[in-house]
N, C-alpha and C. Protein backbone atom coordinates (compact mmCIF):
# COMPACT_ATOMS: atom_id res chain seq x y z
N UNK A 1 13.88 5.93 -13.61
CA UNK A 1 12.47 5.66 -13.54
C UNK A 1 11.74 7.00 -13.39
N UNK A 2 10.62 7.16 -14.08
CA UNK A 2 9.86 8.41 -14.06
C UNK A 2 8.47 8.23 -13.47
N UNK A 3 7.91 9.31 -12.98
CA UNK A 3 6.59 9.33 -12.36
C UNK A 3 5.51 8.89 -13.35
N UNK A 4 4.60 8.07 -12.90
CA UNK A 4 3.49 7.58 -13.71
C UNK A 4 2.56 8.72 -14.14
N UNK A 5 2.50 9.78 -13.36
CA UNK A 5 1.59 10.89 -13.64
C UNK A 5 2.17 11.95 -14.57
N UNK A 6 3.46 12.32 -14.35
CA UNK A 6 4.00 13.48 -15.06
C UNK A 6 5.31 13.24 -15.80
N UNK A 7 5.89 12.07 -15.68
CA UNK A 7 7.13 11.70 -16.36
C UNK A 7 8.37 12.41 -15.82
N UNK A 8 8.28 13.07 -14.65
CA UNK A 8 9.45 13.64 -13.98
C UNK A 8 10.17 12.51 -13.24
N UNK A 9 11.42 12.70 -12.83
CA UNK A 9 12.13 11.66 -12.09
C UNK A 9 11.36 11.23 -10.83
N UNK A 10 11.28 9.94 -10.62
CA UNK A 10 10.56 9.39 -9.48
C UNK A 10 11.38 9.51 -8.20
N UNK A 11 10.69 9.68 -7.09
CA UNK A 11 11.31 9.72 -5.77
C UNK A 11 11.04 8.45 -4.98
N UNK A 12 10.13 7.63 -5.46
CA UNK A 12 9.78 6.39 -4.78
C UNK A 12 8.74 5.63 -5.58
N UNK A 13 8.30 4.51 -5.01
CA UNK A 13 7.28 3.69 -5.68
C UNK A 13 6.11 3.44 -4.74
N UNK A 14 4.95 3.24 -5.31
CA UNK A 14 3.74 2.96 -4.55
C UNK A 14 3.94 1.67 -3.76
N UNK A 15 3.66 1.70 -2.49
CA UNK A 15 3.81 0.54 -1.61
C UNK A 15 2.87 -0.58 -1.99
N UNK A 16 1.78 -0.25 -2.68
CA UNK A 16 0.75 -1.23 -2.97
C UNK A 16 0.88 -1.86 -4.36
N UNK A 17 1.28 -1.06 -5.37
CA UNK A 17 1.32 -1.60 -6.73
C UNK A 17 2.67 -1.46 -7.42
N UNK A 18 3.57 -0.62 -6.88
CA UNK A 18 4.90 -0.48 -7.45
C UNK A 18 5.05 0.59 -8.51
N UNK A 19 4.01 1.39 -8.78
CA UNK A 19 4.14 2.47 -9.76
C UNK A 19 5.11 3.53 -9.23
N UNK A 20 5.91 4.11 -10.14
CA UNK A 20 6.88 5.14 -9.76
C UNK A 20 6.17 6.48 -9.55
N UNK A 21 6.65 7.26 -8.56
CA UNK A 21 6.02 8.53 -8.21
C UNK A 21 7.05 9.60 -7.90
N UNK A 22 6.77 10.83 -8.35
CA UNK A 22 7.56 11.98 -7.91
C UNK A 22 6.96 12.45 -6.58
N UNK A 23 7.65 13.32 -5.86
CA UNK A 23 7.13 13.79 -4.57
C UNK A 23 5.83 14.56 -4.73
N UNK A 24 5.68 15.28 -5.83
CA UNK A 24 4.47 16.07 -6.04
C UNK A 24 3.21 15.26 -6.26
N UNK A 25 3.35 14.05 -6.77
CA UNK A 25 2.18 13.22 -7.03
C UNK A 25 1.97 12.10 -6.00
N UNK A 26 2.92 11.92 -5.12
CA UNK A 26 2.79 10.88 -4.10
C UNK A 26 1.70 11.27 -3.10
N UNK A 27 0.87 10.33 -2.78
CA UNK A 27 -0.12 10.49 -1.71
C UNK A 27 0.31 9.55 -0.60
N UNK A 28 -0.38 9.59 0.52
CA UNK A 28 -0.01 8.68 1.60
C UNK A 28 -1.21 7.89 2.06
N UNK A 29 -0.92 6.69 2.56
CA UNK A 29 -1.95 5.80 3.07
C UNK A 29 -1.27 4.87 4.08
N UNK A 30 -1.98 4.45 5.12
CA UNK A 30 -1.38 3.49 6.05
C UNK A 30 -1.20 2.13 5.38
N UNK A 31 -0.16 1.41 5.79
CA UNK A 31 0.15 0.09 5.24
C UNK A 31 0.24 -0.91 6.38
N UNK A 32 -0.52 -1.99 6.30
CA UNK A 32 -0.50 -3.03 7.33
C UNK A 32 0.66 -3.98 7.05
N UNK A 33 1.58 -4.09 7.99
CA UNK A 33 2.72 -5.00 7.84
C UNK A 33 2.31 -6.42 8.20
N UNK A 34 1.62 -6.57 9.33
CA UNK A 34 1.19 -7.89 9.76
C UNK A 34 -0.02 -7.77 10.68
N UNK A 35 -0.77 -8.84 10.79
CA UNK A 35 -1.91 -8.93 11.70
C UNK A 35 -1.69 -10.16 12.57
N UNK A 36 -2.00 -10.03 13.84
CA UNK A 36 -1.84 -11.15 14.75
C UNK A 36 -2.96 -11.12 15.79
N UNK A 37 -3.09 -12.20 16.54
CA UNK A 37 -4.10 -12.28 17.59
C UNK A 37 -3.43 -11.93 18.91
N UNK A 38 -3.94 -10.89 19.57
CA UNK A 38 -3.37 -10.42 20.83
C UNK A 38 -4.12 -10.98 22.02
N UNK A 39 -4.01 -10.26 23.13
CA UNK A 39 -4.70 -10.67 24.35
C UNK A 39 -6.20 -10.77 24.11
N UNK A 40 -6.84 -11.65 24.83
CA UNK A 40 -8.29 -11.87 24.71
C UNK A 40 -8.71 -12.22 23.29
N UNK A 41 -7.78 -12.78 22.51
CA UNK A 41 -8.04 -13.22 21.13
C UNK A 41 -8.53 -12.07 20.25
N UNK A 42 -8.03 -10.87 20.51
CA UNK A 42 -8.38 -9.69 19.74
C UNK A 42 -7.38 -9.50 18.60
N UNK A 43 -7.85 -9.45 17.36
CA UNK A 43 -6.92 -9.20 16.25
C UNK A 43 -6.29 -7.82 16.37
N UNK A 44 -4.98 -7.76 16.12
CA UNK A 44 -4.24 -6.50 16.16
C UNK A 44 -3.39 -6.40 14.90
N UNK A 45 -3.02 -5.19 14.52
CA UNK A 45 -2.20 -4.99 13.32
C UNK A 45 -1.01 -4.09 13.64
N UNK A 46 0.10 -4.38 12.99
CA UNK A 46 1.26 -3.50 13.01
C UNK A 46 1.16 -2.69 11.72
N UNK A 47 1.05 -1.36 11.86
CA UNK A 47 0.76 -0.49 10.72
C UNK A 47 1.84 0.58 10.58
N UNK A 48 2.24 0.86 9.34
CA UNK A 48 3.14 1.98 9.04
C UNK A 48 2.28 3.09 8.46
N UNK A 49 2.35 4.28 9.05
CA UNK A 49 1.57 5.41 8.54
C UNK A 49 2.33 6.09 7.40
N UNK A 50 1.60 6.81 6.56
CA UNK A 50 2.18 7.67 5.53
C UNK A 50 3.10 6.96 4.54
N UNK A 51 2.72 5.77 4.07
CA UNK A 51 3.51 5.13 3.02
C UNK A 51 3.14 5.73 1.66
N UNK A 52 4.07 5.66 0.70
CA UNK A 52 3.81 6.17 -0.65
C UNK A 52 2.64 5.42 -1.27
N UNK A 53 1.71 6.17 -1.85
CA UNK A 53 0.56 5.59 -2.55
C UNK A 53 0.35 6.38 -3.83
N UNK A 54 0.11 5.71 -4.94
CA UNK A 54 0.00 6.37 -6.24
C UNK A 54 -1.33 7.09 -6.45
N UNK A 55 -2.37 6.70 -5.74
CA UNK A 55 -3.69 7.29 -5.95
C UNK A 55 -4.45 6.64 -7.09
N UNK A 56 -3.81 5.73 -7.82
CA UNK A 56 -4.46 5.04 -8.93
C UNK A 56 -4.98 3.68 -8.47
N UNK A 57 -4.12 2.91 -7.82
CA UNK A 57 -4.53 1.57 -7.39
C UNK A 57 -5.52 1.67 -6.23
N UNK A 58 -6.26 0.63 -6.01
CA UNK A 58 -7.29 0.62 -4.98
C UNK A 58 -7.09 -0.55 -4.04
N UNK A 59 -6.21 -0.38 -3.03
CA UNK A 59 -6.03 -1.45 -2.05
C UNK A 59 -7.37 -1.81 -1.41
N UNK A 60 -7.65 -3.09 -1.33
CA UNK A 60 -8.94 -3.56 -0.82
C UNK A 60 -8.95 -3.57 0.71
N UNK A 61 -10.08 -3.21 1.32
CA UNK A 61 -10.15 -3.16 2.79
C UNK A 61 -10.22 -4.53 3.44
N UNK A 62 -10.58 -5.55 2.68
CA UNK A 62 -10.71 -6.90 3.21
C UNK A 62 -9.94 -7.87 2.32
N UNK A 63 -9.43 -8.97 2.90
CA UNK A 63 -8.79 -9.99 2.06
C UNK A 63 -9.77 -10.54 1.02
N UNK A 64 -9.24 -10.92 -0.12
CA UNK A 64 -10.05 -11.46 -1.20
C UNK A 64 -9.83 -12.97 -1.27
N UNK A 65 -10.91 -13.73 -1.26
CA UNK A 65 -10.81 -15.19 -1.36
C UNK A 65 -10.32 -15.58 -2.74
N UNK A 66 -9.43 -16.58 -2.79
CA UNK A 66 -8.89 -17.06 -4.06
C UNK A 66 -8.89 -18.60 -4.05
N UNK A 67 -10.08 -19.20 -4.14
CA UNK A 67 -10.16 -20.66 -4.04
C UNK A 67 -9.41 -21.39 -5.16
N UNK A 68 -9.19 -20.72 -6.28
CA UNK A 68 -8.48 -21.37 -7.39
C UNK A 68 -7.03 -21.69 -7.07
N UNK A 69 -6.50 -21.11 -6.00
CA UNK A 69 -5.12 -21.40 -5.60
C UNK A 69 -5.00 -22.57 -4.64
N UNK A 70 -6.13 -23.07 -4.17
CA UNK A 70 -6.11 -24.18 -3.21
C UNK A 70 -5.81 -25.49 -3.89
């Protein structure tokens, strides 16, 4: 598998979209593993820092409603 940007051998894939990346083109972004309700009904998230990100895809900051799946 080769990097989406330069066609060199990939070192990993984007955590968000799956595009292949070499180390030189990989960027990093936090990735939310799960969200839960903690004490005092406060939403909390378990987050992994510095996950591979391609820089092309645009992870959305908020969930997107999809009523057509209901």
